[in-house]
């Protein structure tokens, strides 16, 4: 299996990773854990789409979440977007 070639930062598109918290876990999972899983998904997708950069690629990271309201409430879905050139 060959390694993907690195691309110039200007030609890279933003990548979004997501995680939907299963209903049985919504009252127990910490928001940071849900974002960790979404971040891992984004990094995995970026490695496939952008290739492996020897020097790394600076990115801007954006976090989004849907908060489900109940008592006390919690994260139901979250996403992490990596924008190159950050």
PDB file of N, CA and C in Angstrom:
ATOM      1  N   UNK A   1       0.842  -1.167   0.000  1.00  0.00           N
ATOM      2  CA  UNK A   1       0.000   0.000   0.000  1.00  0.00           C
ATOM      3  C   UNK A   1       0.892   1.236   0.000  1.00  0.00           C
ATOM      4  N   UNK A   2       0.655   2.158  -0.911  1.00  0.00           N
ATOM      5  CA  UNK A   2       1.494   3.347  -1.009  1.00  0.00           C
ATOM      6  C   UNK A   2       0.952   4.454  -0.112  1.00  0.00           C
ATOM      7  N   UNK A   3       1.865   5.287   0.333  1.00  0.00           N
ATOM      8  CA  UNK A   3       1.492   6.423   1.173  1.00  0.00           C
ATOM      9  C   UNK A   3       0.948   7.540   0.316  1.00  0.00           C
ATOM     10  N   UNK A   4      -0.131   8.254   0.769  1.00  0.00           N
ATOM     11  CA  UNK A   4      -0.632   9.381   0.005  1.00  0.00           C
ATOM     12  C   UNK A   4       0.393  10.506  -0.003  1.00  0.00           C
ATOM     13  N   UNK A   5       0.458  11.247  -1.086  1.00  0.00           N
ATOM     14  CA  UNK A   5       1.368  12.373  -1.197  1.00  0.00           C
ATOM     15  C   UNK A   5       0.802  13.580  -0.463  1.00  0.00           C
ATOM     16  N   UNK A   6       1.687  14.365   0.155  1.00  0.00           N
ATOM     17  CA  UNK A   6       1.272  15.591   0.815  1.00  0.00           C
ATOM     18  C   UNK A   6       0.887  16.622  -0.234  1.00  0.00           C
ATOM     19  N   UNK A   7      -0.050  17.484   0.117  1.00  0.00           N
ATOM     20  CA  UNK A   7      -0.498  18.538  -0.789  1.00  0.00           C
ATOM     21  C   UNK A   7      -0.160  19.886  -0.187  1.00  0.00           C
ATOM     22  N   UNK A   8      -0.098  20.925  -1.041  1.00  0.00           N
ATOM     23  CA  UNK A   8       0.155  22.277  -0.565  1.00  0.00           C
ATOM     24  C   UNK A   8      -1.032  22.740   0.270  1.00  0.00           C
ATOM     25  N   UNK A   9      -0.756  23.479   1.347  1.00  0.00           N
ATOM     26  CA  UNK A   9      -1.815  23.917   2.260  1.00  0.00           C
ATOM     27  C   UNK A   9      -2.899  24.715   1.548  1.00  0.00           C
ATOM     28  N   UNK A  10      -2.544  25.499   0.520  1.00  0.00           N
ATOM     29  CA  UNK A  10      -3.527  26.306  -0.200  1.00  0.00           C
ATOM     30  C   UNK A  10      -4.534  25.480  -0.980  1.00  0.00           C
ATOM     31  N   UNK A  11      -4.201  24.250  -1.308  1.00  0.00           N
ATOM     32  CA  UNK A  11      -5.106  23.416  -2.101  1.00  0.00           C
ATOM     33  C   UNK A  11      -5.977  22.494  -1.247  1.00  0.00           C
ATOM     34  N   UNK A  12      -5.819  22.560   0.070  1.00  0.00           N
ATOM     35  CA  UNK A  12      -6.550  21.667   0.961  1.00  0.00           C
ATOM     36  C   UNK A  12      -7.911  22.249   1.342  1.00  0.00           C
ATOM     37  N   UNK A  13      -8.922  21.391   1.369  1.00  0.00           N
ATOM     38  CA  UNK A  13     -10.268  21.802   1.770  1.00  0.00           C
ATOM     39  C   UNK A  13     -10.487  21.456   3.243  1.00  0.00           C
ATOM     40  N   UNK A  14     -11.392  22.197   3.914  1.00  0.00           N
ATOM     41  CA  UNK A  14     -11.710  21.866   5.304  1.00  0.00           C
ATOM     42  C   UNK A  14     -12.274  20.454   5.420  1.00  0.00           C
ATOM     43  N   UNK A  15     -11.988  19.827   6.533  1.00  0.00           N
ATOM     44  CA  UNK A  15     -12.451  18.468   6.814  1.00  0.00           C
ATOM     45  C   UNK A  15     -13.242  18.506   8.127  1.00  0.00           C
ATOM     46  N   UNK A  16     -14.397  17.831   8.146  1.00  0.00           N
ATOM     47  CA  UNK A  16     -15.210  17.783   9.356  1.00  0.00           C
ATOM     48  C   UNK A  16     -15.369  16.345   9.835  1.00  0.00           C
ATOM     49  N   UNK A  17     -15.093  16.152  11.094  1.00  0.00           N
ATOM     50  CA  UNK A  17     -15.339  14.870  11.747  1.00  0.00           C
ATOM     51  C   UNK A  17     -16.531  15.025  12.678  1.00  0.00           C
ATOM     52  N   UNK A  18     -17.337  13.994  12.806  1.00  0.00           N
ATOM     53  CA  UNK A  18     -18.516  14.068  13.655  1.00  0.00           C
ATOM     54  C   UNK A  18     -18.609  12.868  14.589  1.00  0.00           C
ATOM     55  N   UNK A  19     -19.422  13.043  15.616  1.00  0.00           N
ATOM     56  CA  UNK A  19     -19.730  11.934  16.510  1.00  0.00           C
ATOM     57  C   UNK A  19     -21.131  12.151  17.059  1.00  0.00           C
ATOM     58  N   UNK A  20     -21.980  11.142  16.919  1.00  0.00           N
ATOM     59  CA  UNK A  20     -23.313  11.155  17.503  1.00  0.00           C
ATOM     60  C   UNK A  20     -23.280  10.257  18.732  1.00  0.00           C
ATOM     61  N   UNK A  21     -23.643  10.830  19.859  1.00  0.00           N
ATOM     62  CA  UNK A  21     -23.620  10.076  21.110  1.00  0.00           C
ATOM     63  C   UNK A  21     -24.840   9.148  21.142  1.00  0.00           C
ATOM     64  N   UNK A  22     -24.634   7.848  21.319  1.00  0.00           N
ATOM     65  CA  UNK A  22     -25.767   6.929  21.409  1.00  0.00           C
ATOM     66  C   UNK A  22     -26.688   7.320  22.573  1.00  0.00           C
ATOM     67  N   UNK A  23     -27.993   7.210  22.364  1.00  0.00           N
ATOM     68  CA  UNK A  23     -28.963   7.633  23.387  1.00  0.00           C
ATOM     69  C   UNK A  23     -28.682   7.079  24.776  1.00  0.00           C
ATOM     70  N   UNK A  24     -28.350   5.785  24.920  1.00  0.00           N
ATOM     71  CA  UNK A  24     -28.118   5.275  26.274  1.00  0.00           C
ATOM     72  C   UNK A  24     -26.934   5.935  26.991  1.00  0.00           C
ATOM     73  N   UNK A  25     -26.024   6.545  26.227  1.00  0.00           N
ATOM     74  CA  UNK A  25     -24.823   7.146  26.830  1.00  0.00           C
ATOM     75  C   UNK A  25     -24.941   8.647  27.034  1.00  0.00           C
ATOM     76  N   UNK A  26     -25.997   9.286  26.542  1.00  0.00           N
ATOM     77  CA  UNK A  26     -26.078  10.754  26.553  1.00  0.00           C
ATOM     78  C   UNK A  26     -26.050  11.363  27.941  1.00  0.00           C
ATOM     79  N   UNK A  27     -26.502  10.656  28.951  1.00  0.00           N
ATOM     80  CA  UNK A  27     -26.467  11.218  30.300  1.00  0.00           C
ATOM     81  C   UNK A  27     -25.146  10.924  30.995  1.00  0.00           C
ATOM     82  N   UNK A  28     -24.362  10.002  30.450  1.00  0.00           N
ATOM     83  CA  UNK A  28     -23.123   9.600  31.124  1.00  0.00           C
ATOM     84  C   UNK A  28     -21.851  10.125  30.473  1.00  0.00           C
ATOM     85  N   UNK A  29     -21.857  10.386  29.167  1.00  0.00           N
ATOM     86  CA  UNK A  29     -20.612  10.749  28.478  1.00  0.00           C
ATOM     87  C   UNK A  29     -20.267  12.225  28.711  1.00  0.00           C
ATOM     88  N   UNK A  30     -19.011  12.485  28.976  1.00  0.00           N
ATOM     89  CA  UNK A  30     -18.530  13.858  29.139  1.00  0.00           C
ATOM     90  C   UNK A  30     -18.399  14.505  27.764  1.00  0.00           C
ATOM     91  N   UNK A  31     -18.701  15.789  27.691  1.00  0.00           N
ATOM     92  CA  UNK A  31     -18.603  16.512  26.412  1.00  0.00           C
ATOM     93  C   UNK A  31     -17.202  16.393  25.825  1.00  0.00           C
ATOM     94  N   UNK A  32     -16.187  16.430  26.673  1.00  0.00           N
ATOM     95  CA  UNK A  32     -14.804  16.338  26.173  1.00  0.00           C
ATOM     96  C   UNK A  32     -14.558  14.996  25.490  1.00  0.00           C
ATOM     97  N   UNK A  33     -15.159  13.930  25.984  1.00  0.00           N
ATOM     98  CA  UNK A  33     -14.991  12.619  25.353  1.00  0.00           C
ATOM     99  C   UNK A  33     -15.649  12.572  23.983  1.00  0.00           C
ATOM    100  N   UNK A  34     -16.830  13.184  23.853  1.00  0.00           N
ATOM    101  CA  UNK A  34     -17.518  13.226  22.564  1.00  0.00           C
ATOM    102  C   UNK A  34     -16.691  14.026  21.557  1.00  0.00           C
ATOM    103  N   UNK A  35     -16.132  15.165  21.995  1.00  0.00           N
ATOM    104  CA  UNK A  35     -15.301  15.964  21.097  1.00  0.00           C
ATOM    105  C   UNK A  35     -14.010  15.243  20.734  1.00  0.00           C
ATOM    106  N   UNK A  36     -13.449  14.462  21.651  1.00  0.00           N
ATOM    107  CA  UNK A  36     -12.256  13.665  21.342  1.00  0.00           C
ATOM    108  C   UNK A  36     -12.545  12.702  20.189  1.00  0.00           C
ATOM    109  N   UNK A  37     -13.713  12.062  20.220  1.00  0.00           N
ATOM    110  CA  UNK A  37     -14.080  11.109  19.165  1.00  0.00           C
ATOM    111  C   UNK A  37     -14.320  11.818  17.836  1.00  0.00           C
ATOM    112  N   UNK A  38     -14.941  12.997  17.867  1.00  0.00           N
ATOM    113  CA  UNK A  38     -15.154  13.773  16.637  1.00  0.00           C
ATOM    114  C   UNK A  38     -13.817  14.265  16.079  1.00  0.00           C
ATOM    115  N   UNK A  39     -12.905  14.696  16.965  1.00  0.00           N
ATOM    116  CA  UNK A  39     -11.584  15.153  16.543  1.00  0.00           C
ATOM    117  C   UNK A  39     -10.807  14.009  15.894  1.00  0.00           C
ATOM    118  N   UNK A  40     -10.857  12.821  16.501  1.00  0.00           N
ATOM    119  CA  UNK A  40     -10.190  11.645  15.941  1.00  0.00           C
ATOM    120  C   UNK A  40     -10.736  11.342  14.538  1.00  0.00           C
ATOM    121  N   UNK A  41     -12.048  11.447  14.367  1.00  0.00           N
ATOM    122  CA  UNK A  41     -12.667  11.225  13.056  1.00  0.00           C
ATOM    123  C   UNK A  41     -12.162  12.251  12.044  1.00  0.00           C
ATOM    124  N   UNK A  42     -12.068  13.521  12.446  1.00  0.00           N
ATOM    125  CA  UNK A  42     -11.588  14.574  11.544  1.00  0.00           C
ATOM    126  C   UNK A  42     -10.131  14.349  11.141  1.00  0.00           C
ATOM    127  N   UNK A  43      -9.291  13.988  12.097  1.00  0.00           N
ATOM    128  CA  UNK A  43      -7.872  13.748  11.799  1.00  0.00           C
ATOM    129  C   UNK A  43      -7.724  12.556  10.856  1.00  0.00           C
ATOM    130  N   UNK A  44      -8.490  11.511  11.083  1.00  0.00           N
ATOM    131  CA  UNK A  44      -8.452  10.330  10.206  1.00  0.00           C
ATOM    132  C   UNK A  44      -8.856  10.716   8.772  1.00  0.00           C
ATOM    133  N   UNK A  45      -9.951  11.469   8.636  1.00  0.00           N
ATOM    134  CA  UNK A  45     -10.402  11.905   7.306  1.00  0.00           C
ATOM    135  C   UNK A  45      -9.373  12.818   6.644  1.00  0.00           C
ATOM    136  N   UNK A  46      -8.765  13.717   7.428  1.00  0.00           N
ATOM    137  CA  UNK A  46      -7.759  14.638   6.882  1.00  0.00           C
ATOM    138  C   UNK A  46      -6.530  13.883   6.394  1.00  0.00           C
ATOM    139  N   UNK A  47      -6.099  12.883   7.136  1.00  0.00           N
ATOM    140  CA  UNK A  47      -4.939  12.090   6.717  1.00  0.00           C
ATOM    141  C   UNK A  47      -5.207  11.401   5.384  1.00  0.00           C
ATOM    142  N   UNK A  48      -6.437  10.929   5.197  1.00  0.00           N
ATOM    143  CA  UNK A  48      -6.788  10.289   3.924  1.00  0.00           C
ATOM    144  C   UNK A  48      -6.898  11.305   2.792  1.00  0.00           C
ATOM    145  N   UNK A  49      -7.544  12.440   3.056  1.00  0.00           N
ATOM    146  CA  UNK A  49      -7.802  13.428   2.004  1.00  0.00           C
ATOM    147  C   UNK A  49      -6.582  14.293   1.676  1.00  0.00           C
ATOM    148  N   UNK A  50      -5.819  14.661   2.689  1.00  0.00           N
ATOM    149  CA  UNK A  50      -4.702  15.579   2.494  1.00  0.00           C
ATOM    150  C   UNK A  50      -3.382  14.872   2.286  1.00  0.00           C
ATOM    151  N   UNK A  51      -3.275  13.650   2.682  1.00  0.00           N
ATOM    152  CA  UNK A  51      -1.994  12.957   2.637  1.00  0.00           C
ATOM    153  C   UNK A  51      -1.233  13.205   3.927  1.00  0.00           C
ATOM    154  N   UNK A  52      -0.107  12.570   4.045  1.00  0.00           N
ATOM    155  CA  UNK A  52       0.697  12.675   5.259  1.00  0.00           C
ATOM    156  C   UNK A  52       1.762  13.735   5.035  1.00  0.00           C
ATOM    157  N   UNK A  53       1.670  14.836   5.774  1.00  0.00           N
ATOM    158  CA  UNK A  53       2.636  15.932   5.628  1.00  0.00           C
ATOM    159  C   UNK A  53       3.830  15.697   6.546  1.00  0.00           C
ATOM    160  N   UNK A  54       5.029  15.789   5.987  1.00  0.00           N
ATOM    161  CA  UNK A  54       6.238  15.572   6.788  1.00  0.00           C
ATOM    162  C   UNK A  54       6.398  16.658   7.844  1.00  0.00           C
ATOM    163  N   UNK A  55       6.086  17.905   7.492  1.00  0.00           N
ATOM    164  CA  UNK A  55       6.260  19.020   8.420  1.00  0.00           C
ATOM    165  C   UNK A  55       4.986  19.351   9.183  1.00  0.00           C
ATOM    166  N   UNK A  56       3.893  18.686   8.901  1.00  0.00           N
ATOM    167  CA  UNK A  56       2.618  19.003   9.544  1.00  0.00           C
ATOM    168  C   UNK A  56       1.922  20.134   8.811  1.00  0.00           C
ATOM    169  N   UNK A  57       0.686  20.312   9.103  1.00  0.00           N
ATOM    170  CA  UNK A  57      -0.117  21.371   8.503  1.00  0.00           C
ATOM    171  C   UNK A  57      -0.796  22.131   9.618  1.00  0.00           C
ATOM    172  N   UNK A  58      -0.619  23.448   9.653  1.00  0.00           N
ATOM    173  CA  UNK A  58      -1.300  24.261  10.653  1.00  0.00           C
ATOM    174  C   UNK A  58      -2.774  24.341  10.268  1.00  0.00           C
ATOM    175  N   UNK A  59      -3.632  24.201  11.260  1.00  0.00           N
ATOM    176  CA  UNK A  59      -5.071  24.246  11.011  1.00  0.00           C
ATOM    177  C   UNK A  59      -5.773  25.108  12.053  1.00  0.00           C
ATOM    178  N   UNK A  60      -6.925  25.634  11.655  1.00  0.00           N
ATOM    179  CA  UNK A  60      -7.851  26.274  12.583  1.00  0.00           C
ATOM    180  C   UNK A  60      -8.849  25.189  12.955  1.00  0.00           C
ATOM    181  N   UNK A  61      -9.168  25.067  14.225  1.00  0.00           N
ATOM    182  CA  UNK A  61     -10.077  24.028  14.685  1.00  0.00           C
ATOM    183  C   UNK A  61     -11.369  24.681  15.177  1.00  0.00           C
ATOM    184  N   UNK A  62     -12.504  24.224  14.634  1.00  0.00           N
ATOM    185  CA  UNK A  62     -13.812  24.727  15.051  1.00  0.00           C
ATOM    186  C   UNK A  62     -14.606  23.581  15.670  1.00  0.00           C
ATOM    187  N   UNK A  63     -15.198  23.845  16.820  1.00  0.00           N
ATOM    188  CA  UNK A  63     -16.011  22.851  17.519  1.00  0.00           C
ATOM    189  C   UNK A  63     -17.476  23.280  17.468  1.00  0.00           C
ATOM    190  N   UNK A  64     -18.371  22.318  17.228  1.00  0.00           N
ATOM    191  CA  UNK A  64     -19.815  22.564  17.247  1.00  0.00           C
ATOM    192  C   UNK A  64     -20.475  21.417  17.991  1.00  0.00           C
ATOM    193  N   UNK A  65     -21.588  21.718  18.657  1.00  0.00           N
ATOM    194  CA  UNK A  65     -22.303  20.663  19.379  1.00  0.00           C
ATOM    195  C   UNK A  65     -23.802  20.948  19.382  1.00  0.00           C
ATOM    196  N   UNK A  66     -24.567  19.870  19.426  1.00  0.00           N
ATOM    197  CA  UNK A  66     -26.002  19.976  19.671  1.00  0.00           C
ATOM    198  C   UNK A  66     -26.193  19.528  21.111  1.00  0.00           C
ATOM    199  N   UNK A  67     -26.763  20.387  21.905  1.00  0.00           N
ATOM    200  CA  UNK A  67     -27.009  20.068  23.305  1.00  0.00           C
ATOM    201  C   UNK A  67     -28.462  19.627  23.440  1.00  0.00           C
ATOM    202  N   UNK A  68     -28.660  18.418  23.919  1.00  0.00           N
ATOM    203  CA  UNK A  68     -30.002  17.901  24.176  1.00  0.00           C
ATOM    204  C   UNK A  68     -30.400  18.321  25.588  1.00  0.00           C
ATOM    205  N   UNK A  69     -31.582  18.903  25.669  1.00  0.00           N
ATOM    206  CA  UNK A  69     -32.034  19.425  26.954  1.00  0.00           C
ATOM    207  C   UNK A  69     -32.900  18.398  27.675  1.00  0.00           C
ATOM    208  N   UNK A  70     -32.471  18.013  28.837  1.00  0.00           N
ATOM    209  CA  UNK A  70     -33.227  17.220  29.794  1.00  0.00           C
ATOM    210  C   UNK A  70     -32.585  17.553  31.133  1.00  0.00           C
ATOM    211  N   UNK A  71     -32.905  16.933  32.147  1.00  0.00           N
ATOM    212  CA  UNK A  71     -32.304  17.265  33.424  1.00  0.00           C
ATOM    213  C   UNK A  71     -31.195  16.267  33.731  1.00  0.00           C
ATOM    214  N   UNK A  72     -29.925  16.607  33.629  1.00  0.00           N
ATOM    215  CA  UNK A  72     -29.324  17.921  33.487  1.00  0.00           C
ATOM    216  C   UNK A  72     -28.961  18.295  32.048  1.00  0.00           C
ATOM    217  N   UNK A  73     -29.164  17.442  31.053  1.00  0.00           N
ATOM    218  CA  UNK A  73     -28.823  17.755  29.665  1.00  0.00           C
ATOM    219  C   UNK A  73     -27.459  17.228  29.299  1.00  0.00           C
ATOM    220  N   UNK A  74     -27.117  17.305  28.024  1.00  0.00           N
ATOM    221  CA  UNK A  74     -25.811  16.836  27.585  1.00  0.00           C
ATOM    222  C   UNK A  74     -25.653  16.907  26.086  1.00  0.00           C
ATOM    223  N   UNK A  75     -24.494  16.531  25.613  1.00  0.00           N
ATOM    224  CA  UNK A  75     -24.180  16.568  24.187  1.00  0.00           C
ATOM    225  C   UNK A  75     -24.835  15.381  23.490  1.00  0.00           C
ATOM    226  N   UNK A  76     -25.570  15.661  22.404  1.00  0.00           N
ATOM    227  CA  UNK A  76     -26.170  14.597  21.609  1.00  0.00           C
ATOM    228  C   UNK A  76     -25.394  14.345  20.331  1.00  0.00           C
ATOM    229  N   UNK A  77     -24.744  15.405  19.818  1.00  0.00           N
ATOM    230  CA  UNK A  77     -23.992  15.320  18.572  1.00  0.00           C
ATOM    231  C   UNK A  77     -22.938  16.404  18.616  1.00  0.00           C
ATOM    232  N   UNK A  78     -21.790  16.135  18.027  1.00  0.00           N
ATOM    233  CA  UNK A  78     -20.770  17.182  17.943  1.00  0.00           C
ATOM    234  C   UNK A  78     -19.933  16.988  16.682  1.00  0.00           C
ATOM    235  N   UNK A  79     -19.272  18.086  16.285  1.00  0.00           N
ATOM    236  CA  UNK A  79     -18.398  18.012  15.125  1.00  0.00           C
ATOM    237  C   UNK A  79     -17.151  18.854  15.388  1.00  0.00           C
ATOM    238  N   UNK A  80     -16.095  18.483  14.684  1.00  0.00           N
ATOM    239  CA  UNK A  80     -14.833  19.220  14.723  1.00  0.00           C
ATOM    240  C   UNK A  80     -14.422  19.440  13.274  1.00  0.00           C
ATOM    241  N   UNK A  81     -14.204  20.696  12.902  1.00  0.00           N
ATOM    242  CA  UNK A  81     -13.786  21.032  11.547  1.00  0.00           C
ATOM    243  C   UNK A  81     -12.343  21.516  11.573  1.00  0.00           C
ATOM    244  N   UNK A  82     -11.518  20.941  10.700  1.00  0.00           N
ATOM    245  CA  UNK A  82     -10.116  21.347  10.548  1.00  0.00           C
ATOM    246  C   UNK A  82      -9.995  22.162   9.268  1.00  0.00           C
ATOM    247  N   UNK A  83      -9.606  23.444   9.402  1.00  0.00           N
ATOM    248  CA  UNK A  83      -9.428  24.322   8.247  1.00  0.00           C
ATOM    249  C   UNK A  83      -7.935  24.603   8.085  1.00  0.00           C
ATOM    250  N   UNK A  84      -7.359  24.185   6.961  1.00  0.00           N
ATOM    251  CA  UNK A  84      -5.925  24.386   6.742  1.00  0.00           C
ATOM    252  C   UNK A  84      -5.532  25.865   6.732  1.00  0.00           C
ATOM    253  N   UNK A  85      -4.305  26.127   7.152  1.00  0.00           N
ATOM    254  CA  UNK A  85      -3.762  27.476   7.109  1.00  0.00           C
ATOM    255  C   UNK A  85      -4.068  28.298   8.346  1.00  0.00           C
ATOM    256  N   UNK A  86      -4.503  27.662   9.417  1.00  0.00           N
ATOM    257  CA  UNK A  86      -4.911  28.353  10.646  1.00  0.00           C
ATOM    258  C   UNK A  86      -3.814  28.981  11.384  1.00  0.00           C
TER     259      UNK A  86
END
